[in-house]
Structure formats: C-alpha cells, structure tokens
Amino acid sequence: MFRIISVFKKEILQIRRNRLLMGIMIIAPVIQLFILGYAATFEVKNLPVAVFDLDKSRLTSEIVNAINSTETFDVVIYIKSSREIDDVLKMGKANLVIVFPSEFEKKIIKGEKVELMVVVDGSDANSATIALGFFVSMIWDKFISLVEKKLLSMGFKTLPMCEPEVRVWFNPEMRSAVFIVPGLIGMILITVTLIMTSMSMVREKEQGTIEQLLVTPIKSHELLIGKILPFILIGLFDAVAIILVGRFWFKVPMHGSLFLLFVSTFIFLMTTLGLGIFSSVVSRTQQQALMTAYFFAMPNIILSGFVFPVESMPSLIRFITNFIPLKYFLLILRGIFLKGAGFELLYPNIIVLLCFGVLIFGFSVFRFRKYIG
C-alpha cells in the first residue's frame, strides 16, 4: 500500500510540474463542454432560404414574412431567375428555395389549383429531412391560415387547392451515406494525420533518437520533410480508399473534378500536419501529444458541420466555426462530390482553407526549427 501511495504522489507531482498537461486535462474538457453543449444539437435553426417570387403579390409577401418569423428558417436571398437556383444551392448560400409561380394570388382567389415548388439541397440529408418535415407541417399551416383569412375576408366560403411540389437536389433519395461518406474523408484525415504526426515526432524525443539525428549532417527541413512525407502519402491513400468504397459500395455519386478534390485534400493536409507538428513541439511524451492532438481534433469534428448543422448553433458558436478548417474542407468535399461544383463556385472556401494551411503549417515549421535549433 505504501508503494502505491508513493507512486501516486510521484504522478501527482509530475502532473503539477507539467502545466501544459494540467491545462489539457482540466481546462480543455471544461472549454469543450461549454462549446459542445451549445453546438451539439440535431435541431435545425436559421436554415438559409432563398425565395424566387414570380408573383410579387401581397399574399406571397405575407407568406415569406411568416416563414422568416420562425426560428427554423431565415430568408437570406431573393433570386431573380431560375438559373440562379442552381448556383445558390451549389454555393451553399441557401439550403431551401421556395418558388412562387406567376399569378399565384389570382389563381388562389379564383379557386384554381396552384402548385408551390420547394427545392431542397439534399447534400445535407439531416437538415433537408427536418426542413421538409417542418415546412410541410408548421409553415404549411401558416400558409393555409393566411390564405383562409384573406379569402374569408373577401366573402369566399371554400378554399382552393394548393399543393407543394417538393424537389430534392443532389440527393433525391435522401440517403444518409451520400451525406456522410464525403465528410468521412475530412474526419479520418484530421484524426489519422494529426495524431500520427504528433506521436511520431514525440517518439523520437522519448527514445532519444532525435539527438542522434541532429548530430548527423541532415538539415532541419530535410528531417521535417522526411517525417511528414509518409503521413501525406497515408492521408492521400486513405482519401482514395474512401472515395472508391463510397463510390462502388455505398453508390455515392462523384459529379465533380477529381483533380480539384486532390488539390483541396493536399491543402487540408497542410493544416492537419501543421497541427500535428505543433502538438509534437509542445509535448514531451506521446501521451501529451495524443491529448494535445485530441484537443485540436475534437472541435474541428464537432464544429465543422459534419455531425451537427452549423446553422443551428448559437451566434457565438457560429462565429467560432469560421476558424475551423474542417468546415471549409467539408463544404468543398460535398460541393465536388454531390453538386459537381467547380473552382469558380468553390474558390472562396479553397482560398480560406489555403490561408489556414499556410499560416498553421508555416507557424508550426517555425516552432519546429526553433526547437531543433
């Protein structure tokens, strides 16, 4: 028993002396609890909606106001032509497009049958399913109440027929695999390359082999390239494996450019490898490196929109997601896989991801060379 207590005291002293480990063990979980407590929700809120109003009547304006008054939908854009529907959905500016046909109000008043078209972005199956269900129930009830109130005030005793025509783009069957498989590329890359890079570097410290390498003629950048090159190849191999399995086993469509996909993947790898290098520099043991890598990986996964829709998160958390590299990579992946979007539509996300990659990788290399020096 005495030996157990002695070992226990020794471990406590080591933890107290290592402020980084204490911070990761005590402070980081509390921070993650607060962030994930608000972000981890399957509710859909503030879903961006585009409106294509060919009627431009008072009734359509009242319906749009009723839609905008809910917490679920947020009317963000009014489009002027049918061609814009495709661009708005591909660029991710809206998840739902409501199309009011011409003479909508007149046909309602005359008692004629009217169709209201709703176009949904099915690339996010979770949000699309909830949005459709909510629209057909709550929003449709509001629509009926508005029409009923208007017609009764005009002396009508019966209501005309009006049916919503729902079209789901990019994932017509609303299959979860179509939504999940592209996101798995980003999630697996960030877990495998980040964790393995950080632990590989620290392993050299623990075994004392890094000192042996430093006395050889090898330069710091040569050492760094030699260490991270295997993980670049592993990351690209994992990406290819997921693409092949997703395409031929899960029948996930691939509508975009493979070249653009691999260029974007390489840019994202700069970010994950940079975080892995930084984790190795600030860590002394593989245990510390693993926990530091976990600290970087978890917020990326939770706040990227892979599991929980970003639109449903509180405004402060949505602001934080702007600094999550995986968020932009997932938008690129789903844009290429499901929407067939090219560089002309995805370049804003690619540029942001490139900035993250250059800054994080550059800073990590600077810290690594300073450590080696």
Protein backbone atom coordinates (compact mmCIF):
# COMPACT_ATOMS: atom_id res chain seq x y z
CA MET A 1 0.00 0.00 0.00
CA PHE A 2 2.86 2.34 0.86
CA ARG A 3 4.45 1.78 -2.57
CA ILE A 4 1.14 2.52 -4.27
CA ILE A 5 0.83 5.81 -2.36
CA SER A 6 4.42 6.69 -3.24
CA VAL A 7 3.78 6.11 -6.94
CA PHE A 8 0.55 8.10 -6.65
CA LYS A 9 2.38 11.08 -5.10
CA LYS A 10 5.07 10.86 -7.77
CA GLU A 11 2.46 11.01 -10.56
CA ILE A 12 0.70 13.96 -8.91
CA LEU A 13 4.00 15.85 -8.66
CA GLN A 14 4.79 15.18 -12.32
CA ILE A 15 1.37 16.41 -13.40
CA ARG A 16 1.67 19.55 -11.26
CA ARG A 17 5.07 20.33 -12.76
CA ASN A 18 3.74 19.99 -16.31
CA ARG A 19 1.44 22.98 -16.73
CA LEU A 20 0.60 22.07 -20.32
CA LEU A 21 -0.67 18.63 -19.30
CA MET A 22 -2.67 20.14 -16.43
CA GLY A 23 -4.26 22.63 -18.78
CA ILE A 24 -5.18 19.93 -21.30
CA MET A 25 -6.56 17.61 -18.61
CA ILE A 26 -8.52 20.15 -16.56
CA ILE A 27 -9.22 23.33 -18.54
CA ALA A 28 -9.66 21.87 -22.04
CA PRO A 29 -12.53 19.49 -21.12
CA VAL A 30 -14.40 22.35 -19.43
CA ILE A 31 -13.99 24.57 -22.50
CA GLN A 32 -15.08 21.74 -24.80
CA LEU A 33 -18.07 21.03 -22.56
CA PHE A 34 -19.31 24.61 -22.89
CA ILE A 35 -18.72 24.73 -26.65
CA LEU A 36 -20.13 21.30 -27.44
CA GLY A 37 -23.02 21.74 -25.02
CA TYR A 38 -24.34 24.50 -27.26
CA ALA A 39 -23.11 23.18 -30.59
CA ALA A 40 -24.19 19.53 -30.23
CA THR A 41 -27.80 19.74 -31.35
CA PHE A 42 -29.79 17.95 -34.03
CA GLU A 43 -32.30 20.78 -34.17
CA VAL A 44 -32.31 22.79 -37.37
CA LYS A 45 -32.35 26.56 -36.85
CA ASN A 46 -31.62 29.56 -39.03
CA LEU A 47 -31.67 27.42 -42.18
CA PRO A 48 -30.88 29.80 -45.09
CA VAL A 49 -33.77 30.09 -47.53
CA ALA A 50 -33.90 31.65 -50.99
CA VAL A 51 -37.15 32.94 -52.49
CA PHE A 52 -37.96 33.07 -56.20
CA ASP A 53 -41.16 35.11 -56.36
CA LEU A 54 -42.67 35.30 -59.85
CA ASP A 55 -45.94 36.67 -58.50
CA LYS A 56 -44.69 39.50 -56.25
CA SER A 57 -48.11 39.85 -54.67
CA ARG A 58 -49.17 40.85 -51.19
CA LEU A 59 -50.04 37.23 -50.38
CA THR A 60 -46.58 35.89 -51.28
CA SER A 61 -45.01 38.69 -49.25
CA GLU A 62 -47.10 37.68 -46.21
CA ILE A 63 -46.12 34.03 -46.65
CA VAL A 64 -42.41 34.93 -46.83
CA ASN A 65 -42.75 37.05 -43.68
CA ALA A 66 -44.44 34.13 -41.91
CA ILE A 67 -41.59 31.82 -42.95
CA ASN A 68 -38.97 34.34 -41.85
CA SER A 69 -40.61 34.78 -38.44
CA THR A 70 -39.78 31.20 -37.41
CA GLU A 71 -36.52 30.10 -35.76
CA THR A 72 -36.06 27.31 -38.28
CA PHE A 73 -35.83 29.37 -41.47
CA ASP A 74 -34.02 32.56 -42.37
CA VAL A 75 -34.79 34.16 -45.74
CA VAL A 76 -31.38 35.38 -46.86
CA ILE A 77 -31.70 35.99 -50.59
CA TYR A 78 -34.25 36.81 -53.28
CA ILE A 79 -33.32 35.39 -56.67
CA LYS A 80 -34.40 36.87 -59.99
CA SER A 81 -34.14 33.96 -62.44
CA SER A 82 -34.48 30.17 -62.47
CA ARG A 83 -30.79 29.85 -63.39
CA GLU A 84 -29.83 31.28 -60.01
CA ILE A 85 -31.47 28.35 -58.19
CA ASP A 86 -28.65 26.01 -59.23
CA ASP A 87 -25.90 28.49 -58.30
CA VAL A 88 -27.45 29.37 -54.93
CA LEU A 89 -27.68 25.70 -53.91
CA LYS A 90 -24.26 24.74 -55.27
CA MET A 91 -22.52 27.61 -53.49
CA GLY A 92 -24.32 26.79 -50.25
CA LYS A 93 -25.94 30.22 -49.97
CA ALA A 94 -29.29 28.55 -49.28
CA ASN A 95 -30.49 25.08 -48.31
CA LEU A 96 -34.05 25.65 -49.43
CA VAL A 97 -35.53 27.54 -52.40
CA ILE A 98 -39.23 28.44 -52.46
CA VAL A 99 -40.66 29.22 -55.90
CA PHE A 100 -43.93 31.13 -56.15
CA PRO A 101 -45.44 30.78 -59.65
CA SER A 102 -46.80 33.76 -61.55
CA GLU A 103 -50.44 34.74 -60.85
CA PHE A 104 -50.23 32.76 -57.61
CA GLU A 105 -52.57 35.08 -55.69
CA LYS A 106 -55.01 35.48 -58.60
CA LYS A 107 -55.40 31.70 -59.02
CA ILE A 108 -55.93 31.31 -55.29
CA ILE A 109 -58.68 33.93 -55.35
CA LYS A 110 -60.30 32.36 -58.43
CA GLY A 111 -60.35 28.98 -56.68
CA GLU A 112 -57.98 27.34 -59.14
CA LYS A 113 -55.43 24.67 -58.21
CA VAL A 114 -51.95 26.11 -57.57
CA GLU A 115 -48.57 24.40 -57.13
CA LEU A 116 -45.89 25.85 -54.87
CA MET A 117 -42.43 24.48 -55.72
CA VAL A 118 -39.88 23.84 -52.98
CA VAL A 119 -36.31 22.91 -53.99
CA VAL A 120 -34.19 21.36 -51.24
CA ASP A 121 -30.43 20.82 -51.05
CA GLY A 122 -30.26 17.10 -50.27
CA SER A 123 -26.48 17.02 -49.81
CA ASP A 124 -27.12 17.57 -46.08
CA ALA A 125 -29.63 14.78 -45.54
CA ASN A 126 -30.26 15.58 -41.87
CA SER A 127 -31.08 19.25 -42.40
CA ALA A 128 -33.03 18.52 -45.58
CA THR A 129 -35.26 15.92 -43.91
CA ILE A 130 -36.03 18.13 -40.93
CA ALA A 131 -36.55 21.20 -43.11
CA LEU A 132 -39.00 19.38 -45.38
CA GLY A 133 -40.97 17.99 -42.46
CA PHE A 134 -41.10 21.37 -40.76
CA PHE A 135 -42.07 23.18 -43.94
CA VAL A 136 -44.88 20.80 -44.79
CA SER A 137 -46.29 20.96 -41.25
CA MET A 138 -45.81 24.29 -39.49
CA ILE A 139 -45.13 26.56 -42.45
CA TRP A 140 -47.89 24.96 -44.49
CA ASP A 141 -50.33 25.53 -41.62
CA LYS A 142 -49.31 29.21 -41.56
CA PHE A 143 -49.78 29.41 -45.29
CA ILE A 144 -53.27 27.91 -45.11
CA SER A 145 -54.25 30.25 -42.27
CA LEU A 146 -53.08 33.29 -44.24
CA VAL A 147 -54.94 32.21 -47.38
CA GLU A 148 -58.05 31.29 -45.41
CA LYS A 149 -58.07 34.63 -43.60
CA LYS A 150 -57.63 36.54 -46.86
CA LEU A 151 -60.35 34.63 -48.75
CA LEU A 152 -62.87 34.67 -45.93
CA SER A 153 -62.44 38.43 -45.69
CA MET A 154 -63.37 38.58 -49.39
CA GLY A 155 -66.55 36.52 -48.90
CA PHE A 156 -65.28 33.10 -50.05
CA LYS A 157 -66.65 30.06 -48.19
CA THR A 158 -64.43 27.36 -49.74
CA LEU A 159 -60.66 27.20 -50.10
CA PRO A 160 -58.91 26.41 -53.41
CA MET A 161 -56.48 23.53 -53.79
CA CYS A 162 -52.80 24.38 -53.39
CA GLU A 163 -50.20 21.61 -53.27
CA PRO A 164 -46.47 21.95 -52.63
CA GLU A 165 -44.25 20.42 -55.31
CA VAL A 166 -41.08 19.32 -53.49
CA ARG A 167 -37.85 18.66 -55.39
CA VAL A 168 -34.71 17.40 -53.65
CA TRP A 169 -31.49 18.20 -55.49
CA PHE A 170 -28.10 16.45 -55.18
CA ASN A 171 -29.55 13.60 -53.05
CA PRO A 172 -33.07 12.78 -54.31
CA GLU A 173 -33.35 9.57 -52.26
CA MET A 174 -32.20 11.38 -49.08
CA ARG A 175 -29.69 8.61 -48.31
CA SER A 176 -27.50 9.21 -45.25
CA ALA A 177 -24.46 7.61 -46.91
CA VAL A 178 -24.44 10.31 -49.58
CA PHE A 179 -24.15 12.92 -46.84
CA ILE A 180 -21.77 11.05 -44.52
CA VAL A 181 -19.20 9.43 -46.84
CA PRO A 182 -17.69 12.67 -48.25
CA GLY A 183 -17.43 14.02 -44.71
CA LEU A 184 -15.59 10.89 -43.57
CA ILE A 185 -12.64 11.89 -45.75
CA GLY A 186 -12.13 15.04 -43.69
CA MET A 187 -12.76 13.35 -40.35
CA ILE A 188 -10.39 10.45 -40.98
CA LEU A 189 -7.66 12.70 -42.38
CA ILE A 190 -7.72 15.00 -39.37
CA THR A 191 -7.65 12.14 -36.86
CA VAL A 192 -5.06 9.96 -38.60
CA THR A 193 -2.56 12.53 -39.87
CA LEU A 194 -2.77 14.91 -36.89
CA ILE A 195 -2.43 12.24 -34.21
CA MET A 196 0.13 10.08 -36.00
CA THR A 197 2.35 13.05 -36.95
CA SER A 198 2.43 14.40 -33.40
CA MET A 199 3.15 11.00 -31.84
CA SER A 200 5.82 10.15 -34.41
CA MET A 201 7.77 13.31 -33.61
CA VAL A 202 7.48 12.86 -29.86
CA ARG A 203 8.54 9.22 -30.10
CA GLU A 204 11.92 10.46 -31.32
CA LYS A 205 12.20 12.61 -28.19
CA GLU A 206 11.30 9.76 -25.84
CA GLN A 207 13.71 7.31 -27.45
CA GLY A 208 16.48 9.89 -27.64
CA THR A 209 16.96 9.28 -31.36
CA ILE A 210 16.27 12.90 -32.29
CA GLU A 211 19.56 13.93 -30.65
CA GLN A 212 21.33 11.28 -32.70
CA LEU A 213 19.73 12.66 -35.87
CA LEU A 214 20.79 16.21 -35.03
CA VAL A 215 24.48 15.31 -34.89
CA THR A 216 24.30 13.97 -38.45
CA PRO A 217 24.67 16.28 -41.49
CA ILE A 218 20.88 16.24 -42.03
CA LYS A 219 19.23 19.67 -42.03
CA SER A 220 16.09 20.57 -40.10
CA HIS A 221 13.88 20.94 -43.17
CA GLU A 222 15.11 17.60 -44.51
CA LEU A 223 14.28 15.96 -41.22
CA LEU A 224 10.84 17.54 -41.22
CA ILE A 225 10.02 16.55 -44.80
CA GLY A 226 11.22 13.02 -44.19
CA LYS A 227 8.99 12.75 -41.12
CA ILE A 228 5.79 14.14 -42.65
CA LEU A 229 6.05 12.69 -46.16
CA PRO A 230 4.81 9.22 -45.10
CA PHE A 231 1.75 10.79 -43.49
CA ILE A 232 0.99 12.79 -46.63
CA LEU A 233 1.03 9.55 -48.61
CA ILE A 234 -1.06 7.77 -45.96
CA GLY A 235 -3.59 10.61 -45.99
CA LEU A 236 -3.91 10.55 -49.77
CA PHE A 237 -4.20 6.75 -49.71
CA ASP A 238 -6.99 6.96 -47.11
CA ALA A 239 -8.78 9.55 -49.26
CA VAL A 240 -8.57 7.31 -52.35
CA ALA A 241 -9.78 4.29 -50.35
CA ILE A 242 -12.81 6.20 -49.02
CA ILE A 243 -13.65 7.53 -52.49
CA LEU A 244 -13.52 4.04 -54.02
CA VAL A 245 -15.54 2.39 -51.24
CA GLY A 246 -18.05 5.22 -51.21
CA ARG A 247 -18.44 5.17 -54.99
CA PHE A 248 -18.68 1.43 -55.63
CA TRP A 249 -20.04 0.08 -52.34
CA PHE A 250 -22.27 2.86 -51.00
CA LYS A 251 -23.11 4.18 -54.50
CA VAL A 252 -22.21 7.76 -53.58
CA PRO A 253 -22.11 9.86 -56.77
CA MET A 254 -18.99 11.72 -57.82
CA HIS A 255 -20.07 14.64 -60.00
CA GLY A 256 -17.07 16.97 -59.73
CA SER A 257 -13.37 17.09 -60.59
CA LEU A 258 -11.03 14.51 -59.06
CA PHE A 259 -8.10 16.85 -59.66
CA LEU A 260 -9.76 19.65 -57.67
CA LEU A 261 -10.61 17.14 -54.95
CA PHE A 262 -6.99 16.00 -54.53
CA VAL A 263 -5.65 19.57 -54.66
CA SER A 264 -8.08 20.53 -51.89
CA THR A 265 -7.14 17.41 -49.92
CA PHE A 266 -3.44 18.29 -50.14
CA ILE A 267 -4.19 21.84 -48.92
CA PHE A 268 -6.16 20.42 -45.99
CA LEU A 269 -3.29 18.06 -45.17
CA MET A 270 -1.07 21.14 -44.71
CA THR A 271 -3.39 22.16 -41.87
CA THR A 272 -3.56 18.77 -40.16
CA LEU A 273 0.18 18.13 -40.49
CA GLY A 274 0.88 21.62 -39.18
CA LEU A 275 -1.26 20.97 -36.12
CA GLY A 276 0.50 17.63 -35.66
CA ILE A 277 3.94 19.26 -35.81
CA PHE A 278 2.86 21.94 -33.33
CA SER A 279 1.48 19.27 -30.96
CA SER A 280 4.80 17.43 -31.07
CA VAL A 281 6.81 20.58 -30.35
CA VAL A 282 4.82 21.49 -27.22
CA SER A 283 4.63 17.89 -25.95
CA ARG A 284 7.28 15.87 -24.15
CA THR A 285 5.63 12.45 -24.19
CA GLN A 286 3.41 10.52 -26.56
CA GLN A 287 0.60 10.74 -24.02
CA GLN A 288 0.79 14.53 -24.03
CA ALA A 289 0.97 14.56 -27.83
CA LEU A 290 -2.13 12.37 -28.07
CA MET A 291 -4.10 14.61 -25.72
CA THR A 292 -2.95 17.79 -27.49
CA ALA A 293 -3.91 16.33 -30.87
CA TYR A 294 -7.28 15.32 -29.43
CA PHE A 295 -7.73 18.90 -28.19
CA PHE A 296 -7.32 20.18 -31.76
CA ALA A 297 -9.24 17.37 -33.49
CA MET A 298 -12.46 17.34 -31.47
CA PRO A 299 -13.54 20.97 -32.06
CA ASN A 300 -12.81 20.50 -35.78
CA ILE A 301 -15.07 17.45 -35.95
CA ILE A 302 -17.92 18.79 -33.81
CA LEU A 303 -17.98 22.37 -35.12
CA SER A 304 -17.39 21.59 -38.81
CA GLY A 305 -20.97 20.70 -39.64
CA PHE A 306 -20.14 17.01 -40.13
CA VAL A 307 -22.44 15.90 -37.31
CA PHE A 308 -24.44 18.95 -36.27
CA PRO A 309 -25.66 21.67 -38.67
CA VAL A 310 -23.72 24.90 -38.21
CA GLU A 311 -26.85 26.97 -38.88
CA SER A 312 -28.48 25.56 -35.73
CA MET A 313 -25.68 26.67 -33.41
CA PRO A 314 -25.84 29.89 -31.34
CA SER A 315 -24.40 33.00 -32.97
CA LEU A 316 -21.21 32.95 -30.86
CA ILE A 317 -20.51 29.31 -31.76
CA ARG A 318 -21.27 30.02 -35.43
CA PHE A 319 -18.65 32.77 -35.28
CA ILE A 320 -16.12 30.30 -33.82
CA THR A 321 -16.82 27.85 -36.67
CA ASN A 322 -15.32 30.40 -39.07
CA PHE A 323 -11.92 29.40 -37.64
CA ILE A 324 -12.46 25.65 -38.12
CA PRO A 325 -10.52 24.42 -41.21
CA LEU A 326 -12.53 21.20 -41.49
CA LYS A 327 -15.72 23.24 -42.01
CA TYR A 328 -14.39 24.65 -45.29
CA PHE A 329 -12.97 21.30 -46.39
CA LEU A 330 -16.37 19.63 -45.89
CA LEU A 331 -18.07 22.33 -47.97
CA ILE A 332 -15.53 21.67 -50.72
CA LEU A 333 -15.95 17.89 -50.48
CA ARG A 334 -19.74 17.95 -50.67
CA GLY A 335 -19.63 20.58 -53.38
CA ILE A 336 -17.36 18.40 -55.55
CA PHE A 337 -18.95 15.04 -54.73
CA LEU A 338 -22.65 15.82 -54.75
CA LYS A 339 -23.12 19.12 -56.56
CA GLY A 340 -20.46 18.88 -59.26
CA ALA A 341 -19.28 22.36 -58.29
CA GLY A 342 -16.08 23.62 -59.89
CA PHE A 343 -13.39 26.05 -58.83
CA GLU A 344 -15.49 29.04 -59.95
CA LEU A 345 -18.03 28.23 -57.21
CA LEU A 346 -15.73 26.76 -54.54
CA TYR A 347 -12.82 29.20 -54.72
CA PRO A 348 -13.89 31.22 -51.61
CA ASN A 349 -13.68 28.08 -49.44
CA ILE A 350 -10.47 26.91 -51.15
CA ILE A 351 -8.78 30.28 -50.56
CA VAL A 352 -9.78 30.31 -46.87
CA LEU A 353 -8.54 26.72 -46.47
CA LEU A 354 -5.26 27.63 -48.20
CA CYS A 355 -4.77 30.56 -45.81
CA PHE A 356 -5.32 28.26 -42.83
CA GLY A 357 -2.87 25.73 -44.27
CA VAL A 358 -0.12 28.26 -44.98
CA LEU A 359 -0.46 30.01 -41.60
CA ILE A 360 -0.71 26.88 -39.44
CA PHE A 361 1.94 24.90 -41.31
CA GLY A 362 4.28 27.89 -41.54
CA PHE A 363 3.99 28.69 -37.83
CA SER A 364 4.47 25.04 -36.87
CA VAL A 365 7.59 24.71 -39.05
CA PHE A 366 8.97 27.89 -37.47
CA ARG A 367 8.40 26.46 -33.98
CA PHE A 368 9.94 23.13 -35.02
CA ARG A 369 13.09 24.75 -36.45
CA LYS A 370 13.36 26.90 -33.33
CA TYR A 371 13.08 23.77 -31.17
CA ILE A 372 15.69 21.94 -33.25
CA GLY A 373 17.98 24.95 -33.06
